[in-house]
Protein backbone atom coordinates (compact mmCIF):
# COMPACT_ATOMS: atom_id res chain seq x y z
CA MET A 1 0.45 23.71 37.54
CA SER A 2 2.57 22.56 34.60
CA ILE A 3 2.14 24.44 31.35
CA LEU A 4 1.28 21.12 29.69
CA ASN A 5 -1.83 20.96 31.86
CA LYS A 6 -3.12 24.30 30.66
CA TYR A 7 -6.46 24.13 28.91
CA TRP A 8 -5.33 25.60 25.59
CA ILE A 9 -2.52 23.05 25.28
CA ARG A 10 -4.99 20.21 25.75
CA VAL A 11 -7.33 21.74 23.18
CA LEU A 12 -4.46 22.09 20.70
CA PHE A 13 -3.51 18.45 21.18
CA LYS A 14 -7.16 17.44 20.88
CA VAL A 15 -7.52 19.19 17.52
CA SER A 16 -4.21 17.74 16.32
CA LEU A 17 -5.28 14.22 17.27
CA ILE A 18 -8.66 14.60 15.55
CA PHE A 19 -6.94 15.93 12.41
CA SER A 20 -4.45 13.04 12.27
CA ASP A 21 -7.17 10.46 12.88
CA VAL A 22 -9.35 11.93 10.15
CA ILE A 23 -6.39 11.29 7.83
CA PHE A 24 -6.14 7.67 9.04
CA LEU A 25 -9.90 7.23 8.65
CA VAL A 26 -9.85 8.53 5.08
CA LEU A 27 -6.80 6.42 4.21
CA GLY A 28 -8.53 3.35 5.63
CA LEU A 29 -11.67 3.99 3.59
CA LEU A 30 -9.64 4.51 0.43
CA LEU A 31 -7.66 1.33 1.07
CA VAL A 32 -10.81 -0.73 1.56
CA ILE A 33 -12.40 0.74 -1.59
CA VAL A 34 -9.29 0.21 -3.72
CA ALA A 35 -8.67 -3.31 -2.38
CA THR A 36 -12.32 -4.25 -3.00
CA TRP A 37 -12.03 -2.82 -6.50
CA TYR A 38 -8.88 -4.89 -7.07
CA HIS A 39 -10.58 -8.00 -5.72
CA ALA A 40 -13.44 -7.49 -8.16
CA GLY A 41 -10.96 -7.26 -11.04
CA GLY A 42 -11.21 -3.51 -11.47
CA SER A 43 -7.47 -3.10 -11.90
CA LYS A 44 -5.80 -4.68 -14.91
CA TYR A 45 -2.38 -3.95 -13.40
CA PHE A 46 -3.12 -5.94 -10.27
CA ILE A 47 -4.13 -8.94 -12.38
CA ILE A 48 -0.63 -8.86 -13.86
CA ALA A 49 1.14 -8.39 -10.52
CA ALA A 50 -0.56 -11.24 -8.72
CA SER A 51 -1.37 -14.77 -9.79
CA ALA A 52 -4.79 -16.28 -9.20
CA THR A 53 -3.46 -18.05 -6.10
CA ASN A 54 -2.28 -15.01 -4.14
CA PHE A 55 -4.60 -12.39 -5.63
CA SER A 56 -7.39 -12.89 -3.08
CA THR A 57 -4.92 -13.09 -0.19
CA VAL A 58 -3.25 -9.79 -1.05
CA ALA A 59 -6.61 -8.06 -1.51
CA ALA A 60 -7.88 -9.47 1.80
CA LEU A 61 -4.78 -8.21 3.66
CA LEU A 62 -5.29 -4.74 2.19
CA ILE A 63 -8.93 -4.76 3.26
CA VAL A 64 -8.03 -5.83 6.82
CA THR A 65 -5.39 -3.10 6.99
CA GLY A 66 -7.93 -0.55 5.81
CA LEU A 67 -10.47 -1.68 8.41
CA LEU A 68 -7.83 -1.37 11.15
CA LEU A 69 -7.12 2.19 10.05
CA ILE A 70 -10.85 2.99 10.06
CA ILE A 71 -11.21 1.62 13.59
CA LEU A 72 -8.09 3.50 14.65
CA GLY A 73 -9.35 6.78 13.21
CA ALA A 74 -12.79 6.36 14.76
CA LEU A 75 -11.33 5.61 18.21
CA GLY A 76 -9.06 8.64 18.04
CA ILE A 77 -11.80 11.02 16.95
CA VAL A 78 -14.30 9.82 19.57
CA GLY A 79 -11.67 9.65 22.30
CA ALA A 80 -10.42 13.16 21.57
CA ALA A 81 -13.97 14.53 21.52
CA LEU A 82 -14.71 12.94 24.92
CA TYR A 83 -11.24 13.36 26.44
CA LEU A 84 -12.60 15.06 29.57
CA LYS A 85 -14.77 12.05 30.40
CA THR A 86 -13.73 8.68 31.79
CA ALA A 87 -15.06 6.92 28.70
CA GLY A 88 -12.97 9.19 26.52
CA ARG A 89 -9.83 8.39 28.51
CA ILE A 90 -10.44 4.64 28.09
CA ILE A 91 -11.00 5.07 24.36
CA LEU A 92 -7.79 7.09 24.03
CA LEU A 93 -5.82 4.35 25.78
CA MET A 94 -7.36 1.78 23.41
CA HIS A 95 -6.41 4.06 20.52
CA SER A 96 -2.81 4.23 21.77
CA ALA A 97 -2.58 0.46 22.22
CA LEU A 98 -3.91 -0.20 18.70
CA MET A 99 -1.56 2.40 17.24
CA VAL A 100 1.43 0.82 18.99
CA PHE A 101 0.41 -2.57 17.59
CA ILE A 102 0.14 -1.15 14.05
CA VAL A 103 3.51 0.64 14.30
CA ILE A 104 5.20 -2.54 15.53
CA CYS A 105 3.70 -4.49 12.61
CA GLU A 106 4.85 -1.82 10.16
CA VAL A 107 8.39 -1.86 11.53
CA LEU A 108 8.55 -5.66 11.42
CA ASN A 109 7.16 -5.71 7.88
CA GLY A 110 9.67 -3.07 6.80
CA ILE A 111 12.59 -4.99 8.28
CA THR A 112 11.36 -8.23 6.75
CA ALA A 113 10.88 -6.65 3.32
CA PHE A 114 14.38 -5.14 3.45
CA ALA A 115 16.00 -8.37 4.65
CA MET A 116 14.13 -10.46 2.08
CA LYS A 117 14.41 -8.05 -0.83
CA ASP A 118 15.76 -10.73 -3.18
CA GLU A 119 13.05 -13.18 -2.14
CA VAL A 120 10.39 -10.51 -2.74
CA ASN A 121 11.80 -9.77 -6.19
CA ASN A 122 11.80 -13.48 -6.97
CA ALA A 123 8.20 -13.79 -5.80
CA VAL A 124 7.17 -10.88 -8.04
CA SER A 125 9.03 -12.48 -10.94
CA GLN A 126 7.35 -15.83 -10.36
CA SER A 127 3.96 -14.17 -10.10
CA GLY A 128 4.56 -12.30 -13.35
CA ASN A 129 5.70 -15.50 -15.06
CA SER A 130 2.58 -17.26 -13.83
CA SER A 131 0.40 -14.47 -15.19
CA PHE A 132 2.20 -14.51 -18.53
CA ARG A 133 1.95 -18.31 -18.80
CA GLU A 134 -1.81 -17.97 -18.49
CA LEU A 135 -1.74 -16.04 -21.77
CA THR A 136 -0.34 -19.07 -23.60
CA SER A 137 -3.28 -21.18 -22.46
CA GLY A 138 -5.76 -18.51 -23.47
CA ASN A 139 -6.83 -17.82 -19.87
CA GLY A 140 -4.82 -14.65 -19.26
CA ASN A 141 -5.78 -11.02 -19.68
CA LYS A 142 -3.98 -9.93 -22.84
CA ALA A 143 -5.65 -6.50 -22.80
CA ALA A 144 -4.24 -5.89 -19.32
CA TRP A 145 -0.73 -6.67 -20.47
CA THR A 146 -1.12 -4.39 -23.47
CA GLU A 147 -2.23 -1.49 -21.26
CA PHE A 148 0.58 -2.21 -18.80
CA GLU A 149 3.18 -2.19 -21.57
CA LYS A 150 1.90 1.12 -22.89
CA GLU A 151 1.98 2.67 -19.42
CA PHE A 152 5.54 1.57 -18.61
CA ASN A 153 6.88 1.58 -22.19
CA CYS A 154 8.04 -2.02 -21.97
CA CYS A 155 7.53 -5.26 -23.91
CA GLY A 156 6.98 -8.74 -22.51
CA LEU A 157 7.81 -9.85 -19.00
CA ASN A 158 11.56 -10.40 -19.35
CA SER A 159 11.93 -9.37 -23.01
CA PHE A 160 10.00 -9.05 -26.27
CA ALA A 161 10.71 -12.75 -26.94
CA ASP A 162 8.09 -13.71 -24.33
CA TRP A 163 5.37 -12.86 -26.86
CA HIS A 164 6.66 -15.50 -29.28
CA TYR A 165 5.14 -18.16 -27.04
CA VAL A 166 1.82 -16.33 -26.81
CA ASN A 167 1.35 -15.21 -30.42
CA ASN A 168 2.66 -18.35 -32.14
CA GLY A 169 5.97 -16.83 -33.17
CA SER A 170 4.80 -13.24 -33.60
CA LEU A 171 5.34 -10.20 -31.41
CA GLN A 172 3.00 -7.58 -30.02
CA GLU A 173 2.45 -4.81 -32.58
CA ARG A 174 3.82 -2.13 -30.26
CA CYS A 175 7.00 -4.17 -29.72
CA CYS A 176 7.90 -4.06 -33.41
CA ALA A 177 10.07 -1.65 -35.33
CA SER A 178 8.10 -2.34 -38.52
CA GLN A 179 5.02 -4.17 -39.67
CA ASN A 180 6.95 -7.44 -39.75
CA CYS A 181 6.31 -8.39 -36.14
CA THR A 182 8.11 -11.73 -36.41
CA THR A 183 11.65 -10.71 -37.21
CA THR A 184 12.09 -7.00 -36.40
CA PRO A 185 11.59 -6.38 -32.68
CA LEU A 186 12.02 -2.92 -31.22
CA THR A 187 14.94 -3.88 -29.00
CA ALA A 188 14.97 -0.47 -27.29
CA LEU A 189 12.04 -1.64 -25.15
CA SER A 190 13.05 -3.51 -22.01
CA GLY A 191 11.08 -6.28 -20.36
CA CYS A 192 8.34 -5.05 -18.02
CA LEU A 193 9.87 -6.77 -14.97
CA THR A 194 13.12 -4.84 -15.41
CA THR A 195 11.26 -1.59 -16.10
CA VAL A 196 9.07 -1.88 -13.00
CA THR A 197 12.09 -2.78 -10.84
CA MET A 198 13.96 0.28 -12.08
CA TRP A 199 10.87 2.45 -11.49
CA THR A 200 10.64 1.18 -7.91
CA ASP A 201 14.33 1.84 -7.27
CA ASP A 202 14.07 5.35 -8.74
CA ASN A 203 11.10 6.18 -6.51
CA MET A 204 12.36 4.48 -3.36
CA ASP A 205 13.38 7.76 -1.73
CA GLY A 206 9.87 9.12 -2.17
CA ILE A 207 8.33 5.92 -0.83
CA ALA A 208 10.65 5.98 2.18
CA GLY A 209 9.83 9.65 2.79
CA ILE A 210 6.10 8.96 2.80
CA ALA A 211 6.54 5.96 5.09
CA THR A 212 8.67 8.02 7.49
CA THR A 213 6.12 10.85 7.54
CA VAL A 214 3.26 8.46 8.29
CA GLY A 215 5.35 6.81 11.01
CA LEU A 216 6.09 10.15 12.68
CA ILE A 217 2.39 11.08 12.59
CA GLN A 218 1.56 7.74 14.21
CA VAL A 219 4.14 8.21 16.97
CA ALA A 220 2.85 11.75 17.59
CA ALA A 221 -0.71 10.39 17.76
CA ILE A 222 0.37 7.82 20.36
CA LEU A 223 2.01 10.48 22.53
CA ILE A 224 -0.95 12.86 22.22
CA SER A 225 -3.45 10.11 23.06
CA CYS A 226 -1.51 9.14 26.16
CA PHE A 227 -1.07 12.78 27.18
CA LEU A 228 -4.78 13.57 26.89
CA ALA A 229 -5.75 10.40 28.75
CA LEU A 230 -3.27 11.03 31.59
CA THR A 231 -3.95 14.75 31.96
CA THR A 232 -7.69 14.05 31.97
CA HIS A 233 -7.09 11.57 34.77
CA ASN A 234 -5.01 14.11 36.67
CA VAL A 235 -7.63 16.82 36.23
CA HIS A 236 -10.31 14.62 37.77
CA SER A 237 -8.02 13.22 40.49
């Protein structure tokens, strides 16, 4: 008998699979909660990042992704708990198939995002411009922009001059070097679009590291699911 068929190895893999799927389940729940919160307008930052047209679409995609992770986690936990039964083996195979689908989608999305980096940046810029234009008509969320500027230490979308069109020739108070907010801008502050882009570039290594770690956990979960399903089949054969 192969060492991989020993009982303690299967138990170790079972516990590992349950642990990884608990992580996916929690991540899915958090994603659904956060996306629902965004959709309800709970995040001022998200209002800035997305125009009214694509806001609901982005939130809906996040909710669907979260639900997929919840289903994935539930399948893995139940399948691992019942891995010695035929039903458990079927559930584990379903878990593996869904995980493969999710990994393929993640890889394709990553390749697309990398290949269309300029287009994505342009889309973000257009969305920000759309959000800022809403301020000039009185329909935007000025408080959200103020909080965003404080958080990222920036002023305006592209520069401090953007506020001239919103405040009838005046600047935001925090963008000024003195009390004369019309003629003395604090030029040390960059536009928020540039600041956010620089922040993303500076943190790209960390983002890539997290994505790689999650990907490796997913691949390991696929292998463990298949192993438990196949060894269970062999044990009962």
